[in-house]
Amino acid sequence: MKDKWAQISGQWKQFAGEAKKKWNELTDDELAKVNGDRKRLVSIVQQRYGIAKKAAEKQVDAWANALKV
């Protein structure tokens, strides 16, 4: 998973659009702040959707695994 996140992080501008499709309540500004950082994305998803950290981690990891990287 770390290798995949390294790729996602390196190409975040491309993947931010995919994240927006998955979590449409996230703002462009929030996605820009993520800047490819998994922990930051988990935190923002957790806060925006009012879910537990573990649930946010599961969503983020499932999303990342489904990406064509």
PDB file of N, CA and C in Angstrom:
ATOM      1  N   MET A   1       0.830  -1.199   0.000  1.00  0.00           N
ATOM      2  CA  MET A   1       0.000   0.000   0.000  1.00  0.00           C
ATOM      3  C   MET A   1       0.872   1.259   0.000  1.00  0.00           C
ATOM      4  N   LYS A   2       2.032   1.187   0.659  1.00  0.00           N
ATOM      5  CA  LYS A   2       2.904   2.365   0.701  1.00  0.00           C
ATOM      6  C   LYS A   2       3.361   2.761  -0.695  1.00  0.00           C
ATOM      7  N   ASP A   3       3.701   1.753  -1.518  1.00  0.00           N
ATOM      8  CA  ASP A   3       4.133   2.057  -2.885  1.00  0.00           C
ATOM      9  C   ASP A   3       3.019   2.741  -3.659  1.00  0.00           C
ATOM     10  N   LYS A   4       1.809   2.243  -3.476  1.00  0.00           N
ATOM     11  CA  LYS A   4       0.667   2.832  -4.177  1.00  0.00           C
ATOM     12  C   LYS A   4       0.467   4.281  -3.731  1.00  0.00           C
ATOM     13  N   TRP A   5       0.578   4.532  -2.423  1.00  0.00           N
ATOM     14  CA  TRP A   5       0.408   5.904  -1.934  1.00  0.00           C
ATOM     15  C   TRP A   5       1.519   6.815  -2.402  1.00  0.00           C
ATOM     16  N   ALA A   6       2.706   6.258  -2.607  1.00  0.00           N
ATOM     17  CA  ALA A   6       3.796   7.076  -3.149  1.00  0.00           C
ATOM     18  C   ALA A   6       3.428   7.544  -4.551  1.00  0.00           C
ATOM     19  N   GLN A   7       2.821   6.661  -5.331  1.00  0.00           N
ATOM     20  CA  GLN A   7       2.382   7.030  -6.683  1.00  0.00           C
ATOM     21  C   GLN A   7       1.216   8.016  -6.630  1.00  0.00           C
ATOM     22  N   ILE A   8       0.261   7.755  -5.757  1.00  0.00           N
ATOM     23  CA  ILE A   8      -0.885   8.657  -5.616  1.00  0.00           C
ATOM     24  C   ILE A   8      -0.398  10.044  -5.196  1.00  0.00           C
ATOM     25  N   SER A   9       0.497  10.073  -4.239  1.00  0.00           N
ATOM     26  CA  SER A   9       1.028  11.341  -3.749  1.00  0.00           C
ATOM     27  C   SER A   9       1.748  12.104  -4.851  1.00  0.00           C
ATOM     28  N   GLY A  10       2.535  11.385  -5.633  1.00  0.00           N
ATOM     29  CA  GLY A  10       3.293  12.015  -6.704  1.00  0.00           C
ATOM     30  C   GLY A  10       2.440  12.560  -7.828  1.00  0.00           C
ATOM     31  N   GLN A  11       1.226  12.016  -7.962  1.00  0.00           N
ATOM     32  CA  GLN A  11       0.319  12.444  -9.032  1.00  0.00           C
ATOM     33  C   GLN A  11      -1.004  12.929  -8.449  1.00  0.00           C
ATOM     34  N   TRP A  12      -0.934  13.577  -7.292  1.00  0.00           N
ATOM     35  CA  TRP A  12      -2.152  13.935  -6.572  1.00  0.00           C
ATOM     36  C   TRP A  12      -3.122  14.770  -7.393  1.00  0.00           C
ATOM     37  N   LYS A  13      -2.623  15.683  -8.208  1.00  0.00           N
ATOM     38  CA  LYS A  13      -3.539  16.532  -8.982  1.00  0.00           C
ATOM     39  C   LYS A  13      -4.445  15.682  -9.863  1.00  0.00           C
ATOM     40  N   GLN A  14      -3.917  14.592 -10.404  1.00  0.00           N
ATOM     41  CA  GLN A  14      -4.737  13.675 -11.206  1.00  0.00           C
ATOM     42  C   GLN A  14      -5.757  12.957 -10.324  1.00  0.00           C
ATOM     43  N   PHE A  15      -5.290  12.459  -9.189  1.00  0.00           N
ATOM     44  CA  PHE A  15      -6.143  11.632  -8.343  1.00  0.00           C
ATOM     45  C   PHE A  15      -7.123  12.432  -7.495  1.00  0.00           C
ATOM     46  N   ALA A  16      -6.894  13.711  -7.339  1.00  0.00           N
ATOM     47  CA  ALA A  16      -7.822  14.543  -6.570  1.00  0.00           C
ATOM     48  C   ALA A  16      -9.213  14.519  -7.201  1.00  0.00           C
ATOM     49  N   GLY A  17      -9.272  14.492  -8.519  1.00  0.00           N
ATOM     50  CA  GLY A  17     -10.562  14.412  -9.208  1.00  0.00           C
ATOM     51  C   GLY A  17     -11.285  13.113  -8.908  1.00  0.00           C
ATOM     52  N   GLU A  18     -10.518  12.032  -8.825  1.00  0.00           N
ATOM     53  CA  GLU A  18     -11.106  10.734  -8.470  1.00  0.00           C
ATOM     54  C   GLU A  18     -11.608  10.750  -7.025  1.00  0.00           C
ATOM     55  N   ALA A  19     -10.864  11.403  -6.159  1.00  0.00           N
ATOM     56  CA  ALA A  19     -11.290  11.517  -4.762  1.00  0.00           C
ATOM     57  C   ALA A  19     -12.582  12.328  -4.674  1.00  0.00           C
ATOM     58  N   LYS A  20     -12.686  13.367  -5.492  1.00  0.00           N
ATOM     59  CA  LYS A  20     -13.889  14.216  -5.508  1.00  0.00           C
ATOM     60  C   LYS A  20     -15.109  13.403  -5.948  1.00  0.00           C
ATOM     61  N   LYS A  21     -14.910  12.477  -6.893  1.00  0.00           N
ATOM     62  CA  LYS A  21     -16.020  11.612  -7.328  1.00  0.00           C
ATOM     63  C   LYS A  21     -16.477  10.714  -6.182  1.00  0.00           C
ATOM     64  N   LYS A  22     -15.530  10.203  -5.421  1.00  0.00           N
ATOM     65  CA  LYS A  22     -15.843   9.291  -4.314  1.00  0.00           C
ATOM     66  C   LYS A  22     -16.475  10.042  -3.140  1.00  0.00           C
ATOM     67  N   TRP A  23     -15.886  11.169  -2.791  1.00  0.00           N
ATOM     68  CA  TRP A  23     -16.362  11.966  -1.648  1.00  0.00           C
ATOM     69  C   TRP A  23     -16.763  13.343  -2.160  1.00  0.00           C
ATOM     70  N   ASN A  24     -17.953  13.432  -2.732  1.00  0.00           N
ATOM     71  CA  ASN A  24     -18.352  14.671  -3.414  1.00  0.00           C
ATOM     72  C   ASN A  24     -18.609  15.843  -2.472  1.00  0.00           C
ATOM     73  N   GLU A  25     -18.632  15.608  -1.174  1.00  0.00           N
ATOM     74  CA  GLU A  25     -18.801  16.721  -0.229  1.00  0.00           C
ATOM     75  C   GLU A  25     -17.478  17.424   0.081  1.00  0.00           C
ATOM     76  N   LEU A  26     -16.363  16.847  -0.339  1.00  0.00           N
ATOM     77  CA  LEU A  26     -15.069  17.492  -0.104  1.00  0.00           C
ATOM     78  C   LEU A  26     -14.908  18.658  -1.065  1.00  0.00           C
ATOM     79  N   THR A  27     -14.358  19.733  -0.561  1.00  0.00           N
ATOM     80  CA  THR A  27     -14.149  20.911  -1.404  1.00  0.00           C
ATOM     81  C   THR A  27     -12.820  20.793  -2.147  1.00  0.00           C
ATOM     82  N   ASP A  28     -12.694  21.574  -3.200  1.00  0.00           N
ATOM     83  CA  ASP A  28     -11.430  21.601  -3.939  1.00  0.00           C
ATOM     84  C   ASP A  28     -10.299  22.069  -3.030  1.00  0.00           C
ATOM     85  N   ASP A  29     -10.607  22.997  -2.141  1.00  0.00           N
ATOM     86  CA  ASP A  29      -9.607  23.504  -1.204  1.00  0.00           C
ATOM     87  C   ASP A  29      -9.136  22.399  -0.255  1.00  0.00           C
ATOM     88  N   GLU A  30     -10.081  21.608   0.244  1.00  0.00           N
ATOM     89  CA  GLU A  30      -9.718  20.493   1.129  1.00  0.00           C
ATOM     90  C   GLU A  30      -8.846  19.486   0.387  1.00  0.00           C
ATOM     91  N   LEU A  31      -9.234  19.184  -0.846  1.00  0.00           N
ATOM     92  CA  LEU A  31      -8.455  18.225  -1.632  1.00  0.00           C
ATOM     93  C   LEU A  31      -7.059  18.761  -1.930  1.00  0.00           C
ATOM     94  N   ALA A  32      -6.951  20.053  -2.149  1.00  0.00           N
ATOM     95  CA  ALA A  32      -5.635  20.660  -2.379  1.00  0.00           C
ATOM     96  C   ALA A  32      -4.771  20.529  -1.123  1.00  0.00           C
ATOM     97  N   LYS A  33      -5.381  20.677   0.045  1.00  0.00           N
ATOM     98  CA  LYS A  33      -4.644  20.552   1.306  1.00  0.00           C
ATOM     99  C   LYS A  33      -4.168  19.122   1.547  1.00  0.00           C
ATOM    100  N   VAL A  34      -4.909  18.145   1.044  1.00  0.00           N
ATOM    101  CA  VAL A  34      -4.508  16.743   1.193  1.00  0.00           C
ATOM    102  C   VAL A  34      -3.150  16.531   0.525  1.00  0.00           C
ATOM    103  N   ASN A  35      -3.016  17.041  -0.687  1.00  0.00           N
ATOM    104  CA  ASN A  35      -1.752  16.985  -1.423  1.00  0.00           C
ATOM    105  C   ASN A  35      -1.118  15.594  -1.416  1.00  0.00           C
ATOM    106  N   GLY A  36      -1.962  14.557  -1.518  1.00  0.00           N
ATOM    107  CA  GLY A  36      -1.459  13.190  -1.604  1.00  0.00           C
ATOM    108  C   GLY A  36      -1.132  12.533  -0.280  1.00  0.00           C
ATOM    109  N   ASP A  37      -1.441  13.186   0.827  1.00  0.00           N
ATOM    110  CA  ASP A  37      -1.137  12.654   2.158  1.00  0.00           C
ATOM    111  C   ASP A  37      -2.307  11.796   2.648  1.00  0.00           C
ATOM    112  N   ARG A  38      -2.082  10.495   2.809  1.00  0.00           N
ATOM    113  CA  ARG A  38      -3.139   9.564   3.207  1.00  0.00           C
ATOM    114  C   ARG A  38      -3.760   9.966   4.543  1.00  0.00           C
ATOM    115  N   LYS A  39      -2.925  10.271   5.532  1.00  0.00           N
ATOM    116  CA  LYS A  39      -3.447  10.626   6.858  1.00  0.00           C
ATOM    117  C   LYS A  39      -4.331  11.866   6.789  1.00  0.00           C
ATOM    118  N   ARG A  40      -3.929  12.819   5.986  1.00  0.00           N
ATOM    119  CA  ARG A  40      -4.709  14.048   5.849  1.00  0.00           C
ATOM    120  C   ARG A  40      -6.052  13.746   5.175  1.00  0.00           C
ATOM    121  N   LEU A  41      -6.036  12.888   4.154  1.00  0.00           N
ATOM    122  CA  LEU A  41      -7.287  12.522   3.481  1.00  0.00           C
ATOM    123  C   LEU A  41      -8.212  11.792   4.447  1.00  0.00           C
ATOM    124  N   VAL A  42      -7.665  10.856   5.207  1.00  0.00           N
ATOM    125  CA  VAL A  42      -8.467  10.134   6.204  1.00  0.00           C
ATOM    126  C   VAL A  42      -9.097  11.126   7.179  1.00  0.00           C
ATOM    127  N   SER A  43      -8.313  12.061   7.664  1.00  0.00           N
ATOM    128  CA  SER A  43      -8.803  13.047   8.630  1.00  0.00           C
ATOM    129  C   SER A  43      -9.924  13.908   8.050  1.00  0.00           C
ATOM    130  N   ILE A  44      -9.751  14.354   6.827  1.00  0.00           N
ATOM    131  CA  ILE A  44     -10.767  15.207   6.199  1.00  0.00           C
ATOM    132  C   ILE A  44     -12.044  14.424   5.920  1.00  0.00           C
ATOM    133  N   VAL A  45     -11.913  13.186   5.443  1.00  0.00           N
ATOM    134  CA  VAL A  45     -13.096  12.343   5.205  1.00  0.00           C
ATOM    135  C   VAL A  45     -13.814  12.101   6.532  1.00  0.00           C
ATOM    136  N   GLN A  46     -13.053  11.800   7.568  1.00  0.00           N
ATOM    137  CA  GLN A  46     -13.625  11.564   8.897  1.00  0.00           C
ATOM    138  C   GLN A  46     -14.416  12.778   9.374  1.00  0.00           C
ATOM    139  N   GLN A  47     -13.824  13.950   9.267  1.00  0.00           N
ATOM    140  CA  GLN A  47     -14.476  15.170   9.739  1.00  0.00           C
ATOM    141  C   GLN A  47     -15.684  15.542   8.887  1.00  0.00           C
ATOM    142  N   ARG A  48     -15.518  15.526   7.585  1.00  0.00           N
ATOM    143  CA  ARG A  48     -16.576  15.977   6.673  1.00  0.00           C
ATOM    144  C   ARG A  48     -17.811  15.081   6.760  1.00  0.00           C
ATOM    145  N   TYR A  49     -17.584  13.763   6.899  1.00  0.00           N
ATOM    146  CA  TYR A  49     -18.707  12.826   6.900  1.00  0.00           C
ATOM    147  C   TYR A  49     -19.117  12.379   8.303  1.00  0.00           C
ATOM    148  N   GLY A  50     -18.406  12.847   9.325  1.00  0.00           N
ATOM    149  CA  GLY A  50     -18.770  12.517  10.701  1.00  0.00           C
ATOM    150  C   GLY A  50     -18.702  11.033  10.996  1.00  0.00           C
ATOM    151  N   ILE A  51     -17.641  10.384  10.509  1.00  0.00           N
ATOM    152  CA  ILE A  51     -17.493   8.945  10.718  1.00  0.00           C
ATOM    153  C   ILE A  51     -16.251   8.674  11.568  1.00  0.00           C
ATOM    154  N   ALA A  52     -16.163   7.454  12.078  1.00  0.00           N
ATOM    155  CA  ALA A  52     -15.016   7.059  12.891  1.00  0.00           C
ATOM    156  C   ALA A  52     -13.752   6.995  12.033  1.00  0.00           C
ATOM    157  N   LYS A  53     -12.620   7.152  12.690  1.00  0.00           N
ATOM    158  CA  LYS A  53     -11.337   7.120  11.980  1.00  0.00           C
ATOM    159  C   LYS A  53     -11.154   5.800  11.236  1.00  0.00           C
ATOM    160  N   LYS A  54     -11.485   4.681  11.880  1.00  0.00           N
ATOM    161  CA  LYS A  54     -11.336   3.361  11.240  1.00  0.00           C
ATOM    162  C   LYS A  54     -12.192   3.271   9.980  1.00  0.00           C
ATOM    163  N   ALA A  55     -13.403   3.797  10.037  1.00  0.00           N
ATOM    164  CA  ALA A  55     -14.291   3.771   8.869  1.00  0.00           C
ATOM    165  C   ALA A  55     -13.706   4.619   7.741  1.00  0.00           C
ATOM    166  N   ALA A  56     -13.161   5.766   8.092  1.00  0.00           N
ATOM    167  CA  ALA A  56     -12.543   6.636   7.085  1.00  0.00           C
ATOM    168  C   ALA A  56     -11.325   5.954   6.475  1.00  0.00           C
ATOM    169  N   GLU A  57     -10.517   5.292   7.310  1.00  0.00           N
ATOM    170  CA  GLU A  57      -9.345   4.572   6.804  1.00  0.00           C
ATOM    171  C   GLU A  57      -9.758   3.474   5.835  1.00  0.00           C
ATOM    172  N   LYS A  58     -10.820   2.734   6.178  1.00  0.00           N
ATOM    173  CA  LYS A  58     -11.300   1.669   5.291  1.00  0.00           C
ATOM    174  C   LYS A  58     -11.747   2.237   3.953  1.00  0.00           C
ATOM    175  N   GLN A  59     -12.477   3.343   3.990  1.00  0.00           N
ATOM    176  CA  GLN A  59     -12.943   3.968   2.749  1.00  0.00           C
ATOM    177  C   GLN A  59     -11.770   4.436   1.895  1.00  0.00           C
ATOM    178  N   VAL A  60     -10.813   5.100   2.520  1.00  0.00           N
ATOM    179  CA  VAL A  60      -9.664   5.636   1.789  1.00  0.00           C
ATOM    180  C   VAL A  60      -8.835   4.496   1.200  1.00  0.00           C
ATOM    181  N   ASP A  61      -8.606   3.445   1.976  1.00  0.00           N
ATOM    182  CA  ASP A  61      -7.812   2.322   1.475  1.00  0.00           C
ATOM    183  C   ASP A  61      -8.526   1.580   0.349  1.00  0.00           C
ATOM    184  N   ALA A  62      -9.840   1.400   0.475  1.00  0.00           N
ATOM    185  CA  ALA A  62     -10.604   0.745  -0.594  1.00  0.00           C
ATOM    186  C   ALA A  62     -10.559   1.588  -1.865  1.00  0.00           C
ATOM    187  N   TRP A  63     -10.682   2.894  -1.713  1.00  0.00           N
ATOM    188  CA  TRP A  63     -10.602   3.804  -2.862  1.00  0.00           C
ATOM    189  C   TRP A  63      -9.238   3.702  -3.530  1.00  0.00           C
ATOM    190  N   ALA A  64      -8.178   3.746  -2.724  1.00  0.00           N
ATOM    191  CA  ALA A  64      -6.814   3.685  -3.266  1.00  0.00           C
ATOM    192  C   ALA A  64      -6.564   2.356  -3.971  1.00  0.00           C
ATOM    193  N   ASN A  65      -7.048   1.264  -3.384  1.00  0.00           N
ATOM    194  CA  ASN A  65      -6.854  -0.055  -3.996  1.00  0.00           C
ATOM    195  C   ASN A  65      -7.558  -0.176  -5.333  1.00  0.00           C
ATOM    196  N   ALA A  66      -8.667   0.521  -5.494  1.00  0.00           N
ATOM    197  CA  ALA A  66      -9.440   0.442  -6.736  1.00  0.00           C
ATOM    198  C   ALA A  66      -8.857   1.312  -7.849  1.00  0.00           C
ATOM    199  N   LEU A  67      -7.963   2.227  -7.499  1.00  0.00           N
ATOM    200  CA  LEU A  67      -7.385   3.121  -8.510  1.00  0.00           C
ATOM    201  C   LEU A  67      -6.459   2.369  -9.447  1.00  0.00           C
ATOM    202  N   LYS A  68      -6.458   2.794 -10.688  1.00  0.00           N
ATOM    203  CA  LYS A  68      -5.518   2.259 -11.673  1.00  0.00           C
ATOM    204  C   LYS A  68      -4.260   3.119 -11.603  1.00  0.00           C
ATOM    205  N   VAL A  69      -3.277   2.614 -10.884  1.00  0.00           N
ATOM    206  CA  VAL A  69      -2.029   3.379 -10.704  1.00  0.00           C
ATOM    207  C   VAL A  69      -0.915   2.692 -11.458  1.00  0.00           C
TER     208      VAL A  69
END
